[in-house]
Structures are given as C-alpha cells and as structure tokens.
Amino acid sequence: MGEDGVEIEITRVFYSTPTYPRNAIRLGREGYVIIEFDVDTDGAVLDPYVIQSEPTGVFERAAIKAVRKWLYKPPSYNGVSVKVNEVRAKVTFALQ
C-alpha cells in the first residue's frame, strides 16, 4: 500500500530462495512464514518482520534473511517514485 493508502501493484524482480534450516531437515519439518515489509522507492525491501509462522521458532530467521535480499521493480504511482508499505509475502518451506 502506498503512503496515502492507495493500493499499488509491485513486481518482484529478484527472488532469493531461503536456506532450509538443517535442524528442520533432520526432523523432517515443513512449514511457512508470513512476513510483512515495506518496499523502498528503489525496490529494496525494508524492515521485514514475521506476522505468522508455522511451526513457531523454526523458519523465521531463514525467511527474513531471504526476504531481505529480494528486489522489486521500483514502485511508482502516477509517474512518481513511491515507497510501498505493508507488503506481505508467504515463504513456504517444503521438503522435496
């Protein structure tokens, strides 16, 4: 969402796959983390934090580390570069 409450579509141009925690692999654990963050005018991810995770305490650190590396196409609204707040993403951890 843009600074004035307008919904703005954003496009991710770089995705970093999270590193699966060794302990979770050993225990055969799968799960997900929902992260909220802002996207800066240059497309960088700002201040990611965990909204929800299942199971708790297993995948949060790996998910945040990956999301920090993501990059979005610089968001704009009416031709003006803007920061987008309250972006949510679900990072899923599934064993092959």
N, C-alpha and C. Protein backbone atom coordinates (compact mmCIF):
# COMPACT_ATOMS: atom_id res chain seq x y z
N MET A 1 0.84 -1.18 0.00
CA MET A 1 0.00 0.00 0.00
C MET A 1 0.89 1.24 0.00
N GLY A 2 0.53 2.22 -0.78
CA GLY A 2 1.29 3.46 -0.85
C GLY A 2 1.10 4.28 0.42
N GLU A 3 1.87 5.35 0.52
CA GLU A 3 1.86 6.17 1.73
C GLU A 3 0.50 6.80 2.03
N ASP A 4 -0.32 7.03 0.97
CA ASP A 4 -1.62 7.66 1.20
C ASP A 4 -2.77 6.66 1.19
N GLY A 5 -2.46 5.35 1.36
CA GLY A 5 -3.50 4.33 1.44
C GLY A 5 -3.95 3.78 0.10
N VAL A 6 -3.32 4.17 -1.00
CA VAL A 6 -3.67 3.67 -2.33
C VAL A 6 -2.98 2.33 -2.56
N GLU A 7 -3.72 1.36 -3.10
CA GLU A 7 -3.10 0.07 -3.40
C GLU A 7 -2.24 0.22 -4.64
N ILE A 8 -0.99 -0.24 -4.54
CA ILE A 8 -0.05 -0.14 -5.64
C ILE A 8 0.48 -1.54 -5.95
N GLU A 9 0.41 -1.93 -7.21
CA GLU A 9 0.91 -3.24 -7.63
C GLU A 9 2.43 -3.17 -7.71
N ILE A 10 3.08 -4.18 -7.16
CA ILE A 10 4.54 -4.22 -7.22
C ILE A 10 4.97 -5.53 -7.88
N THR A 11 6.14 -5.49 -8.51
CA THR A 11 6.64 -6.66 -9.22
C THR A 11 8.01 -7.04 -8.67
N ARG A 12 8.12 -8.27 -8.20
CA ARG A 12 9.41 -8.73 -7.69
C ARG A 12 10.29 -9.10 -8.88
N VAL A 13 11.52 -8.57 -8.88
CA VAL A 13 12.44 -8.85 -9.98
C VAL A 13 13.59 -9.75 -9.56
N PHE A 14 13.79 -9.91 -8.25
CA PHE A 14 14.81 -10.85 -7.77
C PHE A 14 14.27 -11.59 -6.56
N TYR A 15 14.40 -12.91 -6.60
CA TYR A 15 13.91 -13.76 -5.52
C TYR A 15 15.08 -14.58 -4.98
N SER A 16 15.30 -14.52 -3.69
CA SER A 16 16.33 -15.31 -3.04
C SER A 16 15.63 -16.46 -2.31
N THR A 17 15.99 -17.69 -2.67
CA THR A 17 15.40 -18.86 -2.02
C THR A 17 15.96 -18.97 -0.61
N PRO A 18 15.09 -19.18 0.37
CA PRO A 18 15.59 -19.31 1.74
C PRO A 18 16.41 -20.59 1.93
N THR A 19 17.36 -20.53 2.82
CA THR A 19 18.14 -21.71 3.19
C THR A 19 17.32 -22.53 4.18
N TYR A 20 17.12 -23.78 3.85
CA TYR A 20 16.32 -24.65 4.72
C TYR A 20 17.13 -24.94 5.98
N PRO A 21 16.61 -24.63 7.16
CA PRO A 21 17.37 -24.89 8.39
C PRO A 21 17.72 -26.38 8.53
N ARG A 22 18.98 -26.66 8.85
CA ARG A 22 19.45 -28.05 8.98
C ARG A 22 18.63 -28.85 9.98
N ASN A 23 18.32 -28.23 11.10
CA ASN A 23 17.54 -28.90 12.14
C ASN A 23 16.17 -29.34 11.61
N ALA A 24 15.55 -28.47 10.80
CA ALA A 24 14.23 -28.78 10.24
C ALA A 24 14.34 -29.93 9.24
N ILE A 25 15.42 -29.97 8.47
CA ILE A 25 15.63 -31.08 7.52
C ILE A 25 15.75 -32.39 8.31
N ARG A 26 16.59 -32.35 9.34
CA ARG A 26 16.84 -33.54 10.15
C ARG A 26 15.55 -34.08 10.77
N LEU A 27 14.68 -33.16 11.19
CA LEU A 27 13.42 -33.56 11.83
C LEU A 27 12.28 -33.77 10.83
N GLY A 28 12.56 -33.52 9.55
CA GLY A 28 11.53 -33.67 8.53
C GLY A 28 10.42 -32.65 8.64
N ARG A 29 10.75 -31.44 9.12
CA ARG A 29 9.75 -30.39 9.34
C ARG A 29 9.49 -29.58 8.07
N GLU A 30 8.24 -29.25 7.85
CA GLU A 30 7.84 -28.33 6.80
C GLU A 30 7.00 -27.24 7.44
N GLY A 31 6.87 -26.10 6.75
CA GLY A 31 6.06 -25.03 7.32
C GLY A 31 6.09 -23.79 6.46
N TYR A 32 5.71 -22.68 7.05
CA TYR A 32 5.68 -21.41 6.32
C TYR A 32 5.87 -20.25 7.29
N VAL A 33 6.22 -19.11 6.70
CA VAL A 33 6.34 -17.87 7.46
C VAL A 33 5.68 -16.77 6.64
N ILE A 34 4.84 -15.97 7.27
CA ILE A 34 4.27 -14.80 6.60
C ILE A 34 5.02 -13.59 7.13
N ILE A 35 5.57 -12.83 6.19
CA ILE A 35 6.42 -11.68 6.54
C ILE A 35 5.79 -10.41 5.98
N GLU A 36 5.85 -9.35 6.77
CA GLU A 36 5.40 -8.03 6.30
C GLU A 36 6.60 -7.12 6.22
N PHE A 37 6.63 -6.28 5.18
CA PHE A 37 7.75 -5.36 4.98
C PHE A 37 7.31 -4.20 4.10
N ASP A 38 8.17 -3.22 3.97
CA ASP A 38 7.94 -2.09 3.07
C ASP A 38 8.87 -2.25 1.88
N VAL A 39 8.49 -1.66 0.75
CA VAL A 39 9.36 -1.63 -0.43
C VAL A 39 9.71 -0.18 -0.68
N ASP A 40 11.02 0.11 -0.67
CA ASP A 40 11.51 1.48 -0.84
C ASP A 40 11.37 1.94 -2.29
N THR A 41 11.60 3.21 -2.53
CA THR A 41 11.46 3.79 -3.87
C THR A 41 12.41 3.15 -4.88
N ASP A 42 13.50 2.54 -4.40
CA ASP A 42 14.44 1.87 -5.33
C ASP A 42 14.13 0.38 -5.49
N GLY A 43 13.07 -0.11 -4.83
CA GLY A 43 12.68 -1.51 -4.95
C GLY A 43 13.26 -2.42 -3.87
N ALA A 44 14.05 -1.85 -2.95
CA ALA A 44 14.64 -2.66 -1.87
C ALA A 44 13.62 -2.95 -0.78
N VAL A 45 13.78 -4.11 -0.13
CA VAL A 45 12.92 -4.50 0.98
C VAL A 45 13.42 -3.80 2.25
N LEU A 46 12.48 -3.21 3.00
CA LEU A 46 12.81 -2.52 4.25
C LEU A 46 12.10 -3.18 5.42
N ASP A 47 12.80 -3.35 6.52
CA ASP A 47 12.23 -3.75 7.81
C ASP A 47 11.29 -4.97 7.76
N PRO A 48 11.76 -6.11 7.24
CA PRO A 48 10.88 -7.29 7.26
C PRO A 48 10.69 -7.82 8.67
N TYR A 49 9.48 -8.22 9.00
CA TYR A 49 9.22 -8.84 10.29
C TYR A 49 8.14 -9.91 10.15
N VAL A 50 8.16 -10.85 11.05
CA VAL A 50 7.26 -12.01 11.00
C VAL A 50 5.88 -11.64 11.53
N ILE A 51 4.86 -11.99 10.75
CA ILE A 51 3.46 -11.81 11.14
C ILE A 51 2.94 -13.12 11.73
N GLN A 52 3.30 -14.24 11.07
CA GLN A 52 2.79 -15.54 11.49
C GLN A 52 3.78 -16.60 11.01
N SER A 53 3.92 -17.68 11.75
CA SER A 53 4.76 -18.78 11.31
C SER A 53 4.23 -20.11 11.84
N GLU A 54 4.46 -21.14 11.08
CA GLU A 54 4.01 -22.48 11.46
C GLU A 54 5.05 -23.48 11.00
N PRO A 55 5.67 -24.25 11.85
CA PRO A 55 5.64 -24.15 13.30
C PRO A 55 6.45 -22.95 13.79
N THR A 56 6.15 -22.48 14.97
CA THR A 56 6.82 -21.32 15.54
C THR A 56 8.27 -21.65 15.91
N GLY A 57 9.17 -20.71 15.65
CA GLY A 57 10.54 -20.85 16.09
C GLY A 57 11.46 -21.68 15.21
N VAL A 58 10.98 -22.09 14.03
CA VAL A 58 11.80 -22.96 13.18
C VAL A 58 12.34 -22.23 11.94
N PHE A 59 11.46 -21.54 11.21
CA PHE A 59 11.82 -21.00 9.90
C PHE A 59 11.95 -19.48 9.83
N GLU A 60 11.65 -18.77 10.92
CA GLU A 60 11.59 -17.31 10.88
C GLU A 60 12.90 -16.66 10.42
N ARG A 61 14.01 -17.04 11.03
CA ARG A 61 15.29 -16.42 10.71
C ARG A 61 15.66 -16.63 9.24
N ALA A 62 15.49 -17.85 8.74
CA ALA A 62 15.82 -18.16 7.34
C ALA A 62 14.93 -17.36 6.38
N ALA A 63 13.65 -17.23 6.72
CA ALA A 63 12.72 -16.50 5.86
C ALA A 63 13.08 -15.02 5.79
N ILE A 64 13.35 -14.40 6.93
CA ILE A 64 13.71 -12.98 6.95
C ILE A 64 15.01 -12.74 6.18
N LYS A 65 15.98 -13.61 6.37
CA LYS A 65 17.27 -13.48 5.69
C LYS A 65 17.08 -13.50 4.16
N ALA A 66 16.20 -14.38 3.68
CA ALA A 66 15.93 -14.47 2.24
C ALA A 66 15.18 -13.23 1.74
N VAL A 67 14.15 -12.81 2.48
CA VAL A 67 13.32 -11.69 2.04
C VAL A 67 14.14 -10.39 1.96
N ARG A 68 15.10 -10.21 2.86
CA ARG A 68 15.95 -9.01 2.82
C ARG A 68 16.68 -8.87 1.49
N LYS A 69 16.92 -9.99 0.80
CA LYS A 69 17.66 -9.98 -0.47
C LYS A 69 16.75 -9.76 -1.68
N TRP A 70 15.44 -9.88 -1.48
CA TRP A 70 14.51 -9.71 -2.61
C TRP A 70 14.61 -8.29 -3.13
N LEU A 71 14.28 -8.14 -4.41
CA LEU A 71 14.28 -6.82 -5.04
C LEU A 71 13.03 -6.69 -5.89
N TYR A 72 12.43 -5.53 -5.82
CA TYR A 72 11.22 -5.25 -6.60
C TYR A 72 11.51 -4.16 -7.62
N LYS A 73 10.71 -4.16 -8.69
CA LYS A 73 10.78 -3.07 -9.66
C LYS A 73 10.42 -1.81 -8.87
N PRO A 74 11.21 -0.72 -9.00
CA PRO A 74 10.90 0.49 -8.22
C PRO A 74 9.44 0.91 -8.38
N PRO A 75 8.69 0.94 -7.27
CA PRO A 75 7.27 1.27 -7.36
C PRO A 75 7.02 2.73 -7.70
N SER A 76 5.97 2.96 -8.50
CA SER A 76 5.60 4.33 -8.82
C SER A 76 4.09 4.46 -8.87
N TYR A 77 3.64 5.67 -8.65
CA TYR A 77 2.21 5.98 -8.66
C TYR A 77 2.05 7.30 -9.40
N ASN A 78 1.27 7.28 -10.47
CA ASN A 78 1.10 8.47 -11.32
C ASN A 78 2.45 9.03 -11.78
N GLY A 79 3.37 8.11 -12.10
CA GLY A 79 4.68 8.53 -12.63
C GLY A 79 5.67 9.00 -11.57
N VAL A 80 5.27 8.94 -10.29
CA VAL A 80 6.15 9.40 -9.22
C VAL A 80 6.64 8.19 -8.44
N SER A 81 7.92 8.15 -8.14
CA SER A 81 8.51 7.07 -7.36
C SER A 81 7.97 7.12 -5.94
N VAL A 82 7.47 5.99 -5.44
CA VAL A 82 6.88 5.96 -4.10
C VAL A 82 7.38 4.77 -3.30
N LYS A 83 7.26 4.87 -1.98
CA LYS A 83 7.54 3.77 -1.07
C LYS A 83 6.21 3.04 -0.84
N VAL A 84 6.26 1.72 -0.80
CA VAL A 84 5.04 0.94 -0.59
C VAL A 84 5.14 0.27 0.78
N ASN A 85 4.13 0.48 1.61
CA ASN A 85 4.10 -0.06 2.97
C ASN A 85 3.22 -1.30 3.05
N GLU A 86 3.45 -2.09 4.09
CA GLU A 86 2.60 -3.23 4.44
C GLU A 86 2.46 -4.27 3.33
N VAL A 87 3.60 -4.62 2.73
CA VAL A 87 3.61 -5.69 1.74
C VAL A 87 3.72 -7.00 2.51
N ARG A 88 2.94 -7.99 2.14
CA ARG A 88 3.00 -9.30 2.80
C ARG A 88 3.41 -10.37 1.81
N ALA A 89 4.23 -11.30 2.30
CA ALA A 89 4.66 -12.42 1.47
C ALA A 89 4.68 -13.67 2.34
N LYS A 90 4.32 -14.79 1.72
CA LYS A 90 4.38 -16.08 2.41
C LYS A 90 5.58 -16.84 1.87
N VAL A 91 6.46 -17.24 2.78
CA VAL A 91 7.62 -18.04 2.41
C VAL A 91 7.35 -19.46 2.89
N THR A 92 7.29 -20.39 1.93
CA THR A 92 6.96 -21.78 2.26
C THR A 92 8.21 -22.64 2.29
N PHE A 93 8.28 -23.50 3.26
CA PHE A 93 9.38 -24.44 3.40
C PHE A 93 8.81 -25.84 3.22
N ALA A 94 9.20 -26.50 2.13
CA ALA A 94 8.69 -27.84 1.84
C ALA A 94 9.85 -28.73 1.42
N LEU A 95 9.91 -29.91 2.00
CA LEU A 95 10.94 -30.88 1.64
C LEU A 95 10.58 -31.52 0.30
N GLN A 96 11.58 -31.82 -0.51
CA GLN A 96 11.33 -32.42 -1.84
C GLN A 96 10.99 -33.88 -1.71
